[in-house]
PDB file of N, CA and C in Angstrom:
ATOM      1  N   MET A   1      19.623  -6.206   3.916  1.00  0.00           N
ATOM      2  CA  MET A   1      18.557  -6.911   3.234  1.00  0.00           C
ATOM      3  C   MET A   1      19.165  -7.939   2.292  1.00  0.00           C
ATOM      4  N   ASN A   2      18.542  -9.098   2.175  1.00  0.00           N
ATOM      5  CA  ASN A   2      19.033 -10.145   1.287  1.00  0.00           C
ATOM      6  C   ASN A   2      19.023  -9.670  -0.152  1.00  0.00           C
ATOM      7  N   SER A   3      20.011 -10.114  -0.910  1.00  0.00           N
ATOM      8  CA  SER A   3      20.081  -9.698  -2.309  1.00  0.00           C
ATOM      9  C   SER A   3      18.991 -10.347  -3.164  1.00  0.00           C
ATOM     10  N   ASP A   4      18.333 -11.392  -2.642  1.00  0.00           N
ATOM     11  CA  ASP A   4      17.292 -12.060  -3.413  1.00  0.00           C
ATOM     12  C   ASP A   4      15.935 -11.372  -3.311  1.00  0.00           C
ATOM     13  N   VAL A   5      15.843 -10.291  -2.555  1.00  0.00           N
ATOM     14  CA  VAL A   5      14.593  -9.548  -2.419  1.00  0.00           C
ATOM     15  C   VAL A   5      14.645  -8.341  -3.354  1.00  0.00           C
ATOM     16  N   GLU A   6      13.746  -8.323  -4.321  1.00  0.00           N
ATOM     17  CA  GLU A   6      13.687  -7.223  -5.293  1.00  0.00           C
ATOM     18  C   GLU A   6      13.068  -6.001  -4.635  1.00  0.00           C
ATOM     19  N   THR A   7      13.685  -4.828  -4.818  1.00  0.00           N
ATOM     20  CA  THR A   7      13.181  -3.620  -4.160  1.00  0.00           C
ATOM     21  C   THR A   7      12.542  -2.615  -5.111  1.00  0.00           C
ATOM     22  N   ALA A   8      12.678  -2.780  -6.401  1.00  0.00           N
ATOM     23  CA  ALA A   8      12.068  -1.819  -7.335  1.00  0.00           C
ATOM     24  C   ALA A   8      10.553  -2.006  -7.336  1.00  0.00           C
ATOM     25  N   TRP A   9       9.824  -0.892  -7.265  1.00  0.00           N
ATOM     26  CA  TRP A   9       8.345  -0.970  -7.309  1.00  0.00           C
ATOM     27  C   TRP A   9       7.891  -1.665  -8.581  1.00  0.00           C
ATOM     28  N   SER A  10       8.627  -1.463  -9.665  1.00  0.00           N
ATOM     29  CA  SER A  10       8.247  -2.073 -10.943  1.00  0.00           C
ATOM     30  C   SER A  10       8.279  -3.595 -10.883  1.00  0.00           C
ATOM     31  N   SER A  11       8.974  -4.164  -9.908  1.00  0.00           N
ATOM     32  CA  SER A  11       9.013  -5.627  -9.777  1.00  0.00           C
ATOM     33  C   SER A  11       7.648  -6.197  -9.391  1.00  0.00           C
ATOM     34  N   LEU A  12       6.742  -5.343  -8.939  1.00  0.00           N
ATOM     35  CA  LEU A  12       5.399  -5.772  -8.569  1.00  0.00           C
ATOM     36  C   LEU A  12       4.392  -5.584  -9.703  1.00  0.00           C
ATOM     37  N   SER A  13       4.880  -5.254 -10.891  1.00  0.00           N
ATOM     38  CA  SER A  13       3.980  -4.883 -11.997  1.00  0.00           C
ATOM     39  C   SER A  13       2.985  -5.970 -12.382  1.00  0.00           C
ATOM     40  N   GLU A  14       3.278  -7.233 -12.112  1.00  0.00           N
ATOM     41  CA  GLU A  14       2.328  -8.300 -12.434  1.00  0.00           C
ATOM     42  C   GLU A  14       1.284  -8.484 -11.340  1.00  0.00           C
ATOM     43  N   LYS A  15       1.515  -7.895 -10.155  1.00  0.00           N
ATOM     44  CA  LYS A  15       0.616  -8.083  -9.019  1.00  0.00           C
ATOM     45  C   LYS A  15      -0.099  -6.807  -8.599  1.00  0.00           C
ATOM     46  N   VAL A  16       0.485  -5.654  -8.925  1.00  0.00           N
ATOM     47  CA  VAL A  16      -0.050  -4.355  -8.509  1.00  0.00           C
ATOM     48  C   VAL A  16      -0.391  -3.557  -9.759  1.00  0.00           C
ATOM     49  N   SER A  17      -1.508  -2.840  -9.720  1.00  0.00           N
ATOM     50  CA  SER A  17      -1.948  -2.086 -10.899  1.00  0.00           C
ATOM     51  C   SER A  17      -0.933  -1.024 -11.298  1.00  0.00           C
ATOM     52  N   GLU A  18      -0.938  -0.742 -12.575  1.00  0.00           N
ATOM     53  CA  GLU A  18      -0.052   0.281 -13.124  1.00  0.00           C
ATOM     54  C   GLU A  18      -0.318   1.638 -12.468  1.00  0.00           C
ATOM     55  N   GLU A  19      -1.591   1.923 -12.189  1.00  0.00           N
ATOM     56  CA  GLU A  19      -1.958   3.197 -11.569  1.00  0.00           C
ATOM     57  C   GLU A  19      -1.344   3.342 -10.172  1.00  0.00           C
ATOM     58  N   THR A  20      -1.357   2.269  -9.408  1.00  0.00           N
ATOM     59  CA  THR A  20      -0.795   2.316  -8.061  1.00  0.00           C
ATOM     60  C   THR A  20       0.711   2.506  -8.118  1.00  0.00           C
ATOM     61  N   ILE A  21       1.378   1.753  -8.976  1.00  0.00           N
ATOM     62  CA  ILE A  21       2.831   1.899  -9.099  1.00  0.00           C
ATOM     63  C   ILE A  21       3.187   3.301  -9.571  1.00  0.00           C
ATOM     64  N   LYS A  22       2.450   3.825 -10.526  1.00  0.00           N
ATOM     65  CA  LYS A  22       2.712   5.180 -11.030  1.00  0.00           C
ATOM     66  C   LYS A  22       2.512   6.214  -9.921  1.00  0.00           C
ATOM     67  N   ALA A  23       1.470   6.043  -9.109  1.00  0.00           N
ATOM     68  CA  ALA A  23       1.219   6.979  -8.010  1.00  0.00           C
ATOM     69  C   ALA A  23       2.361   6.961  -7.001  1.00  0.00           C
ATOM     70  N   ILE A  24       2.906   5.793  -6.746  1.00  0.00           N
ATOM     71  CA  ILE A  24       4.002   5.684  -5.783  1.00  0.00           C
ATOM     72  C   ILE A  24       5.302   6.230  -6.358  1.00  0.00           C
ATOM     73  N   VAL A  25       5.630   5.824  -7.575  1.00  0.00           N
ATOM     74  CA  VAL A  25       6.913   6.210  -8.174  1.00  0.00           C
ATOM     75  C   VAL A  25       6.921   7.672  -8.608  1.00  0.00           C
ATOM     76  N   GLU A  26       5.905   8.080  -9.361  1.00  0.00           N
ATOM     77  CA  GLU A  26       5.881   9.444  -9.881  1.00  0.00           C
ATOM     78  C   GLU A  26       5.253  10.432  -8.901  1.00  0.00           C
ATOM     79  N   GLY A  27       4.141  10.044  -8.303  1.00  0.00           N
ATOM     80  CA  GLY A  27       3.441  10.954  -7.404  1.00  0.00           C
ATOM     81  C   GLY A  27       4.125  11.139  -6.069  1.00  0.00           C
ATOM     82  N   MET A  28       4.591  10.037  -5.497  1.00  0.00           N
ATOM     83  CA  MET A  28       5.203  10.108  -4.172  1.00  0.00           C
ATOM     84  C   MET A  28       6.728  10.158  -4.245  1.00  0.00           C
ATOM     85  N   GLY A  29       7.292   9.802  -5.388  1.00  0.00           N
ATOM     86  CA  GLY A  29       8.736   9.895  -5.572  1.00  0.00           C
ATOM     87  C   GLY A  29       9.553   8.739  -5.009  1.00  0.00           C
ATOM     88  N   TYR A  30       8.915   7.608  -4.742  1.00  0.00           N
ATOM     89  CA  TYR A  30       9.633   6.446  -4.210  1.00  0.00           C
ATOM     90  C   TYR A  30       9.990   5.503  -5.352  1.00  0.00           C
ATOM     91  N   GLN A  31      11.253   5.434  -5.713  1.00  0.00           N
ATOM     92  CA  GLN A  31      11.684   4.539  -6.790  1.00  0.00           C
ATOM     93  C   GLN A  31      11.806   3.096  -6.319  1.00  0.00           C
ATOM     94  N   ASN A  32      12.212   2.918  -5.068  1.00  0.00           N
ATOM     95  CA  ASN A  32      12.423   1.584  -4.520  1.00  0.00           C
ATOM     96  C   ASN A  32      11.634   1.408  -3.232  1.00  0.00           C
ATOM     97  N   MET A  33      11.291   0.157  -2.969  1.00  0.00           N
ATOM     98  CA  MET A  33      10.599  -0.169  -1.738  1.00  0.00           C
ATOM     99  C   MET A  33      11.593  -0.163  -0.578  1.00  0.00           C
ATOM    100  N   MET A  34      11.081   0.153   0.592  1.00  0.00           N
ATOM    101  CA  MET A  34      11.864   0.012   1.807  1.00  0.00           C
ATOM    102  C   MET A  34      11.916  -1.484   2.126  1.00  0.00           C
ATOM    103  N   PRO A  35      12.881  -1.930   2.932  1.00  0.00           N
ATOM    104  CA  PRO A  35      12.993  -3.359   3.233  1.00  0.00           C
ATOM    105  C   PRO A  35      11.693  -3.998   3.738  1.00  0.00           C
ATOM    106  N   ILE A  36      10.985  -3.324   4.623  1.00  0.00           N
ATOM    107  CA  ILE A  36       9.732  -3.884   5.155  1.00  0.00           C
ATOM    108  C   ILE A  36       8.692  -4.038   4.049  1.00  0.00           C
ATOM    109  N   GLN A  37       8.686  -3.119   3.097  1.00  0.00           N
ATOM    110  CA  GLN A  37       7.737  -3.178   1.983  1.00  0.00           C
ATOM    111  C   GLN A  37       8.084  -4.318   1.040  1.00  0.00           C
ATOM    112  N   ALA A  38       9.363  -4.455   0.716  1.00  0.00           N
ATOM    113  CA  ALA A  38       9.796  -5.500  -0.211  1.00  0.00           C
ATOM    114  C   ALA A  38       9.519  -6.892   0.346  1.00  0.00           C
ATOM    115  N   ARG A  39       9.585  -7.022   1.657  1.00  0.00           N
ATOM    116  CA  ARG A  39       9.347  -8.331   2.265  1.00  0.00           C
ATOM    117  C   ARG A  39       7.861  -8.596   2.522  1.00  0.00           C
ATOM    118  N   ALA A  40       7.081  -7.570   2.855  1.00  0.00           N
ATOM    119  CA  ALA A  40       5.688  -7.777   3.259  1.00  0.00           C
ATOM    120  C   ALA A  40       4.696  -7.763   2.098  1.00  0.00           C
ATOM    121  N   ILE A  41       4.840  -6.843   1.173  1.00  0.00           N
ATOM    122  CA  ILE A  41       3.830  -6.652   0.125  1.00  0.00           C
ATOM    123  C   ILE A  41       3.564  -7.925  -0.691  1.00  0.00           C
ATOM    124  N   PRO A  42       4.581  -8.631  -1.163  1.00  0.00           N
ATOM    125  CA  PRO A  42       4.280  -9.843  -1.941  1.00  0.00           C
ATOM    126  C   PRO A  42       3.432 -10.857  -1.160  1.00  0.00           C
ATOM    127  N   HIS A  43       3.686 -11.012   0.123  1.00  0.00           N
ATOM    128  CA  HIS A  43       2.905 -11.946   0.941  1.00  0.00           C
ATOM    129  C   HIS A  43       1.479 -11.429   1.150  1.00  0.00           C
ATOM    130  N   LEU A  44       1.348 -10.137   1.426  1.00  0.00           N
ATOM    131  CA  LEU A  44       0.025  -9.554   1.641  1.00  0.00           C
ATOM    132  C   LEU A  44      -0.837  -9.640   0.388  1.00  0.00           C
ATOM    133  N   LEU A  45      -0.229  -9.490  -0.763  1.00  0.00           N
ATOM    134  CA  LEU A  45      -0.972  -9.562  -2.024  1.00  0.00           C
ATOM    135  C   LEU A  45      -1.529 -10.960  -2.291  1.00  0.00           C
ATOM    136  N   THR A  46      -0.935 -11.965  -1.672  1.00  0.00           N
ATOM    137  CA  THR A  46      -1.441 -13.333  -1.850  1.00  0.00           C
ATOM    138  C   THR A  46      -2.403 -13.722  -0.733  1.00  0.00           C
ATOM    139  N   GLY A  47      -2.709 -12.780   0.160  1.00  0.00           N
ATOM    140  CA  GLY A  47      -3.669 -13.036   1.225  1.00  0.00           C
ATOM    141  C   GLY A  47      -3.073 -13.630   2.488  1.00  0.00           C
ATOM    142  N   LYS A  48      -1.761 -13.687   2.562  1.00  0.00           N
ATOM    143  CA  LYS A  48      -1.133 -14.236   3.754  1.00  0.00           C
ATOM    144  C   LYS A  48      -1.122 -13.201   4.871  1.00  0.00           C
ATOM    145  N   ASP A  49      -1.140 -13.687   6.100  1.00  0.00           N
ATOM    146  CA  ASP A  49      -1.000 -12.813   7.257  1.00  0.00           C
ATOM    147  C   ASP A  49       0.464 -12.439   7.411  1.00  0.00           C
ATOM    148  N   VAL A  50       0.689 -11.195   7.828  1.00  0.00           N
ATOM    149  CA  VAL A  50       2.051 -10.722   8.038  1.00  0.00           C
ATOM    150  C   VAL A  50       2.123 -10.022   9.381  1.00  0.00           C
ATOM    151  N   LEU A  51       3.126 -10.369  10.156  1.00  0.00           N
ATOM    152  CA  LEU A  51       3.426  -9.683  11.403  1.00  0.00           C
ATOM    153  C   LEU A  51       4.755  -8.996  11.186  1.00  0.00           C
ATOM    154  N   ALA A  52       4.774  -7.667  11.281  1.00  0.00           N
ATOM    155  CA  ALA A  52       5.979  -6.908  10.981  1.00  0.00           C
ATOM    156  C   ALA A  52       6.325  -5.974  12.125  1.00  0.00           C
ATOM    157  N   ALA A  53       7.603  -5.860  12.390  1.00  0.00           N
ATOM    158  CA  ALA A  53       8.094  -4.915  13.383  1.00  0.00           C
ATOM    159  C   ALA A  53       9.216  -4.113  12.740  1.00  0.00           C
ATOM    160  N   ALA A  54       9.048  -2.804  12.726  1.00  0.00           N
ATOM    161  CA  ALA A  54      10.064  -1.931  12.147  1.00  0.00           C
ATOM    162  C   ALA A  54       9.908  -0.548  12.771  1.00  0.00           C
ATOM    163  N   ARG A  55      10.935   0.240  12.657  1.00  0.00           N
ATOM    164  CA  ARG A  55      10.929   1.577  13.242  1.00  0.00           C
ATOM    165  C   ARG A  55       9.904   2.485  12.573  1.00  0.00           C
ATOM    166  N   THR A  56       9.520   3.532  13.299  1.00  0.00           N
ATOM    167  CA  THR A  56       8.668   4.575  12.745  1.00  0.00           C
ATOM    168  C   THR A  56       9.382   5.187  11.546  1.00  0.00           C
ATOM    169  N   GLY A  57       8.634   5.358  10.464  1.00  0.00           N
ATOM    170  CA  GLY A  57       9.207   5.953   9.263  1.00  0.00           C
ATOM    171  C   GLY A  57       9.864   4.950   8.326  1.00  0.00           C
ATOM    172  N   SER A  58       9.713   3.669   8.617  1.00  0.00           N
ATOM    173  CA  SER A  58      10.375   2.642   7.812  1.00  0.00           C
ATOM    174  C   SER A  58       9.547   2.168   6.618  1.00  0.00           C
ATOM    175  N   GLY A  59       8.287   2.621   6.518  1.00  0.00           N
ATOM    176  CA  GLY A  59       7.464   2.253   5.377  1.00  0.00           C
ATOM    177  C   GLY A  59       6.381   1.230   5.653  1.00  0.00           C
ATOM    178  N   LYS A  60       6.108   0.948   6.917  1.00  0.00           N
ATOM    179  CA  LYS A  60       5.095  -0.059   7.262  1.00  0.00           C
ATOM    180  C   LYS A  60       3.714   0.309   6.729  1.00  0.00           C
ATOM    181  N   THR A  61       3.319   1.558   6.894  1.00  0.00           N
ATOM    182  CA  THR A  61       1.974   1.958   6.495  1.00  0.00           C
ATOM    183  C   THR A  61       1.761   1.748   4.999  1.00  0.00           C
ATOM    184  N   LEU A  62       2.688   2.170   4.179  1.00  0.00           N
ATOM    185  CA  LEU A  62       2.551   1.976   2.735  1.00  0.00           C
ATOM    186  C   LEU A  62       2.589   0.490   2.384  1.00  0.00           C
ATOM    187  N   ALA A  63       3.347  -0.287   3.157  1.00  0.00           N
ATOM    188  CA  ALA A  63       3.403  -1.732   2.927  1.00  0.00           C
ATOM    189  C   ALA A  63       2.027  -2.374   3.090  1.00  0.00           C
ATOM    190  N   PHE A  64       1.224  -1.851   3.994  1.00  0.00           N
ATOM    191  CA  PHE A  64      -0.108  -2.402   4.204  1.00  0.00           C
ATOM    192  C   PHE A  64      -1.161  -1.700   3.345  1.00  0.00           C
ATOM    193  N   LEU A  65      -0.933  -0.436   2.991  1.00  0.00           N
ATOM    194  CA  LEU A  65      -1.904   0.293   2.165  1.00  0.00           C
ATOM    195  C   LEU A  65      -1.954  -0.210   0.724  1.00  0.00           C
ATOM    196  N   VAL A  66      -0.812  -0.550   0.156  1.00  0.00           N
ATOM    197  CA  VAL A  66      -0.786  -0.983  -1.246  1.00  0.00           C
ATOM    198  C   VAL A  66      -1.683  -2.206  -1.463  1.00  0.00           C
ATOM    199  N   PRO A  67      -1.545  -3.277  -0.686  1.00  0.00           N
ATOM    200  CA  PRO A  67      -2.452  -4.413  -0.888  1.00  0.00           C
ATOM    201  C   PRO A  67      -3.919  -4.072  -0.614  1.00  0.00           C
ATOM    202  N   ILE A  68      -4.178  -3.183   0.350  1.00  0.00           N
ATOM    203  CA  ILE A  68      -5.553  -2.779   0.643  1.00  0.00           C
ATOM    204  C   ILE A  68      -6.151  -2.056  -0.565  1.00  0.00           C
ATOM    205  N   VAL A  69      -5.395  -1.119  -1.133  1.00  0.00           N
ATOM    206  CA  VAL A  69      -5.875  -0.373  -2.301  1.00  0.00           C
ATOM    207  C   VAL A  69      -6.119  -1.329  -3.471  1.00  0.00           C
ATOM    208  N   GLU A  70      -5.225  -2.270  -3.675  1.00  0.00           N
ATOM    209  CA  GLU A  70      -5.399  -3.241  -4.759  1.00  0.00           C
ATOM    210  C   GLU A  70      -6.650  -4.090  -4.549  1.00  0.00           C
ATOM    211  N   LEU A  71      -6.875  -4.532  -3.337  1.00  0.00           N
ATOM    212  CA  LEU A  71      -8.060  -5.334  -3.033  1.00  0.00           C
ATOM    213  C   LEU A  71      -9.337  -4.525  -3.251  1.00  0.00           C
ATOM    214  N   ILE A  72      -9.356  -3.287  -2.755  1.00  0.00           N
ATOM    215  CA  ILE A  72     -10.532  -2.426  -2.916  1.00  0.00           C
ATOM    216  C   ILE A  72     -10.814  -2.193  -4.395  1.00  0.00           C
ATOM    217  N   THR A  73      -9.769  -1.951  -5.166  1.00  0.00           N
ATOM    218  CA  THR A  73      -9.925  -1.709  -6.601  1.00  0.00           C
ATOM    219  C   THR A  73     -10.530  -2.930  -7.287  1.00  0.00           C
ATOM    220  N   LYS A  74     -10.026  -4.109  -6.976  1.00  0.00           N
ATOM    221  CA  LYS A  74     -10.541  -5.329  -7.613  1.00  0.00           C
ATOM    222  C   LYS A  74     -11.969  -5.629  -7.175  1.00  0.00           C
ATOM    223  N   VAL A  75     -12.252  -5.452  -5.894  1.00  0.00           N
ATOM    224  CA  VAL A  75     -13.601  -5.701  -5.384  1.00  0.00           C
ATOM    225  C   VAL A  75     -14.574  -4.679  -5.956  1.00  0.00           C
ATOM    226  N   SER A  76     -14.151  -3.420  -6.075  1.00  0.00           N
ATOM    227  CA  SER A  76     -15.020  -2.369  -6.613  1.00  0.00           C
ATOM    228  C   SER A  76     -15.448  -2.686  -8.038  1.00  0.00           C
ATOM    229  N   ILE A  77     -14.560  -3.245  -8.808  1.00  0.00           N
ATOM    230  CA  ILE A  77     -14.899  -3.607 -10.182  1.00  0.00           C
ATOM    231  C   ILE A  77     -15.967  -4.697 -10.182  1.00  0.00           C
ATOM    232  N   LEU A  78     -15.851  -5.649  -9.270  1.00  0.00           N
ATOM    233  CA  LEU A  78     -16.789  -6.773  -9.222  1.00  0.00           C
ATOM    234  C   LEU A  78     -18.154  -6.387  -8.678  1.00  0.00           C
ATOM    235  N   VAL A  79     -18.209  -5.409  -7.772  1.00  0.00           N
ATOM    236  CA  VAL A  79     -19.478  -5.070  -7.119  1.00  0.00           C
ATOM    237  C   VAL A  79     -19.936  -3.650  -7.422  1.00  0.00           C
ATOM    238  N   GLN A  80     -19.584  -3.140  -8.587  1.00  0.00           N
ATOM    239  CA  GLN A  80     -19.900  -1.763  -8.954  1.00  0.00           C
ATOM    240  C   GLN A  80     -21.367  -1.405  -8.733  1.00  0.00           C
ATOM    241  N   ASN A  81     -22.253  -2.264  -9.083  1.00  0.00           N
ATOM    242  CA  ASN A  81     -23.669  -1.936  -9.047  1.00  0.00           C
ATOM    243  C   ASN A  81     -24.412  -2.568  -7.880  1.00  0.00           C
ATOM    244  N   PHE A  82     -23.701  -2.930  -6.837  1.00  0.00           N
ATOM    245  CA  PHE A  82     -24.341  -3.627  -5.731  1.00  0.00           C
ATOM    246  C   PHE A  82     -24.309  -2.863  -4.418  1.00  0.00           C
ATOM    247  N   GLY A  83     -24.404  -1.545  -4.456  1.00  0.00           N
ATOM    248  CA  GLY A  83     -24.543  -0.771  -3.235  1.00  0.00           C
ATOM    249  C   GLY A  83     -23.251  -0.163  -2.720  1.00  0.00           C
ATOM    250  N   THR A  84     -23.355   0.335  -1.518  1.00  0.00           N
ATOM    251  CA  THR A  84     -22.268   1.071  -0.892  1.00  0.00           C
ATOM    252  C   THR A  84     -21.211   0.136  -0.345  1.00  0.00           C
ATOM    253  N   LYS A  85     -19.972   0.549  -0.492  1.00  0.00           N
ATOM    254  CA  LYS A  85     -18.846  -0.194   0.059  1.00  0.00           C
ATOM    255  C   LYS A  85     -18.231   0.649   1.170  1.00  0.00           C
ATOM    256  N   VAL A  86     -17.893   0.040   2.266  1.00  0.00           N
ATOM    257  CA  VAL A  86     -17.296   0.751   3.391  1.00  0.00           C
ATOM    258  C   VAL A  86     -15.993   0.065   3.756  1.00  0.00           C
ATOM    259  N   THR A  87     -14.953   0.853   3.939  1.00  0.00           N
ATOM    260  CA  THR A  87     -13.664   0.321   4.368  1.00  0.00           C
ATOM    261  C   THR A  87     -13.220   1.087   5.590  1.00  0.00           C
ATOM    262  N   THR A  88     -12.802   0.374   6.591  1.00  0.00           N
ATOM    263  CA  THR A  88     -12.275   1.011   7.788  1.00  0.00           C
ATOM    264  C   THR A  88     -10.802   0.683   7.877  1.00  0.00           C
ATOM    265  N   LEU A  89      -9.987   1.701   8.004  1.00  0.00           N
ATOM    266  CA  LEU A  89      -8.556   1.520   8.143  1.00  0.00           C
ATOM    267  C   LEU A  89      -8.136   2.092   9.487  1.00  0.00           C
ATOM    268  N   LEU A  90      -7.682   1.248  10.375  1.00  0.00           N
ATOM    269  CA  LEU A  90      -7.200   1.694  11.673  1.00  0.00           C
ATOM    270  C   LEU A  90      -5.713   1.943  11.554  1.00  0.00           C
ATOM    271  N   ILE A  91      -5.294   3.138  11.914  1.00  0.00           N
ATOM    272  CA  ILE A  91      -3.878   3.476  11.795  1.00  0.00           C
ATOM    273  C   ILE A  91      -3.268   3.641  13.167  1.00  0.00           C
ATOM    274  N   GLU A  92      -1.980   3.507  13.230  1.00  0.00           N
ATOM    275  CA  GLU A  92      -1.288   3.619  14.506  1.00  0.00           C
ATOM    276  C   GLU A  92      -1.381   5.044  15.051  1.00  0.00           C
ATOM    277  N   HIS A  93      -1.199   5.187  16.344  1.00  0.00           N
ATOM    278  CA  HIS A  93      -1.338   6.464  17.039  1.00  0.00           C
ATOM    279  C   HIS A  93      -0.481   7.559  16.404  1.00  0.00           C
ATOM    280  N   PHE A  94       0.731   7.232  16.049  1.00  0.00           N
ATOM    281  CA  PHE A  94       1.633   8.219  15.461  1.00  0.00           C
ATOM    282  C   PHE A  94       1.039   8.826  14.201  1.00  0.00           C
ATOM    283  N   LEU A  95       0.494   7.987  13.333  1.00  0.00           N
ATOM    284  CA  LEU A  95      -0.084   8.503  12.091  1.00  0.00           C
ATOM    285  C   LEU A  95      -1.379   9.257  12.339  1.00  0.00           C
ATOM    286  N   ALA A  96      -2.098   8.870  13.373  1.00  0.00           N
ATOM    287  CA  ALA A  96      -3.309   9.611  13.710  1.00  0.00           C
ATOM    288  C   ALA A  96      -2.956  11.043  14.081  1.00  0.00           C
ATOM    289  N   GLN A  97      -1.797  11.227  14.691  1.00  0.00           N
ATOM    290  CA  GLN A  97      -1.364  12.568  15.075  1.00  0.00           C
ATOM    291  C   GLN A  97      -0.965  13.401  13.865  1.00  0.00           C
ATOM    292  N   ILE A  98      -0.521  12.751  12.822  1.00  0.00           N
ATOM    293  CA  ILE A  98      -0.119  13.486  11.617  1.00  0.00           C
ATOM    294  C   ILE A  98      -1.056  13.131  10.463  1.00  0.00           C
ATOM    295  N   HIS A  99      -2.332  13.321  10.698  1.00  0.00           N
ATOM    296  CA  HIS A  99      -3.386  12.968   9.753  1.00  0.00           C
ATOM    297  C   HIS A  99      -3.138  13.555   8.364  1.00  0.00           C
ATOM    298  N   GLY A 100      -2.582  14.734   8.289  1.00  0.00           N
ATOM    299  CA  GLY A 100      -2.329  15.363   6.999  1.00  0.00           C
ATOM    300  C   GLY A 100      -1.417  14.534   6.131  1.00  0.00           C
ATOM    301  N   GLN A 101      -0.430  13.887   6.730  1.00  0.00           N
ATOM    302  CA  GLN A 101       0.470  13.036   5.971  1.00  0.00           C
ATOM    303  C   GLN A 101      -0.271  11.827   5.411  1.00  0.00           C
ATOM    304  N   LYS A 102      -1.154  11.229   6.208  1.00  0.00           N
ATOM    305  CA  LYS A 102      -1.958  10.094   5.740  1.00  0.00           C
ATOM    306  C   LYS A 102      -2.848  10.529   4.590  1.00  0.00           C
ATOM    307  N   ARG A 103      -3.435  11.713   4.737  1.00  0.00           N
ATOM    308  CA  ARG A 103      -4.315  12.217   3.679  1.00  0.00           C
ATOM    309  C   ARG A 103      -3.541  12.357   2.371  1.00  0.00           C
ATOM    310  N   ASN A 104      -2.319  12.870   2.426  1.00  0.00           N
ATOM    311  CA  ASN A 104      -1.509  13.008   1.223  1.00  0.00           C
ATOM    312  C   ASN A 104      -1.217  11.654   0.602  1.00  0.00           C
ATOM    313  N   ARG A 105      -0.861  10.662   1.420  1.00  0.00           N
ATOM    314  CA  ARG A 105      -0.562   9.333   0.896  1.00  0.00           C
ATOM    315  C   ARG A 105      -1.789   8.729   0.230  1.00  0.00           C
ATOM    316  N   CYS A 106      -2.934   8.866   0.858  1.00  0.00           N
ATOM    317  CA  CYS A 106      -4.160   8.290   0.294  1.00  0.00           C
ATOM    318  C   CYS A 106      -4.555   9.009  -0.990  1.00  0.00           C
ATOM    319  N   SER A 107      -4.353  10.312  -1.057  1.00  0.00           N
ATOM    320  CA  SER A 107      -4.747  11.037  -2.269  1.00  0.00           C
ATOM    321  C   SER A 107      -3.887  10.609  -3.454  1.00  0.00           C
ATOM    322  N   TYR A 108      -2.611  10.284  -3.207  1.00  0.00           N
ATOM    323  CA  TYR A 108      -1.767   9.781  -4.296  1.00  0.00           C
ATOM    324  C   TYR A 108      -2.282   8.446  -4.790  1.00  0.00           C
ATOM    325  N   LEU A 109      -2.843   7.647  -3.888  1.00  0.00           N
ATOM    326  CA  LEU A 109      -3.320   6.324  -4.268  1.00  0.00           C
ATOM    327  C   LEU A 109      -4.767   6.336  -4.733  1.00  0.00           C
ATOM    328  N   GLY A 110      -5.373   7.538  -4.812  1.00  0.00           N
ATOM    329  CA  GLY A 110      -6.721   7.667  -5.351  1.00  0.00           C
ATOM    330  C   GLY A 110      -7.814   7.219  -4.408  1.00  0.00           C
ATOM    331  N   THR A 111      -7.564   7.307  -3.093  1.00  0.00           N
ATOM    332  CA  THR A 111      -8.587   6.932  -2.128  1.00  0.00           C
ATOM    333  C   THR A 111      -8.940   8.146  -1.287  1.00  0.00           C
ATOM    334  N   ASN A 112     -10.015   8.061  -0.544  1.00  0.00           N
ATOM    335  CA  ASN A 112     -10.428   9.149   0.341  1.00  0.00           C
ATOM    336  C   ASN A 112     -10.095   8.816   1.769  1.00  0.00           C
ATOM    337  N   THR A 113      -9.873   9.848   2.578  1.00  0.00           N
ATOM    338  CA  THR A 113      -9.611   9.625   3.994  1.00  0.00           C
ATOM    339  C   THR A 113     -10.841   9.954   4.801  1.00  0.00           C
TER     340      THR A 113
END
């Protein structure tokens, strides 16, 4: 990985909520981002499209979940009193097979599965 890519979760503190970073670092025990996360999350947070290819277990799912959780949190604040919000998250086949792991990740981030 290039040395110019910051990998500490705390490097996202101006773009990602303190609660999300705390859930990842303290709740999930990840001090640093995986390479795919460090490269994808900053772009996803600005609304850019990202096409990523990486091995199973490399951190792709969390790379896409963090911006989704941040967006939902910001939108929820804006539309608190305007009815029901629905989010659909399609996950890859591998994660569908290990649903319990997804449930654990989502519970750390304060979302429901």
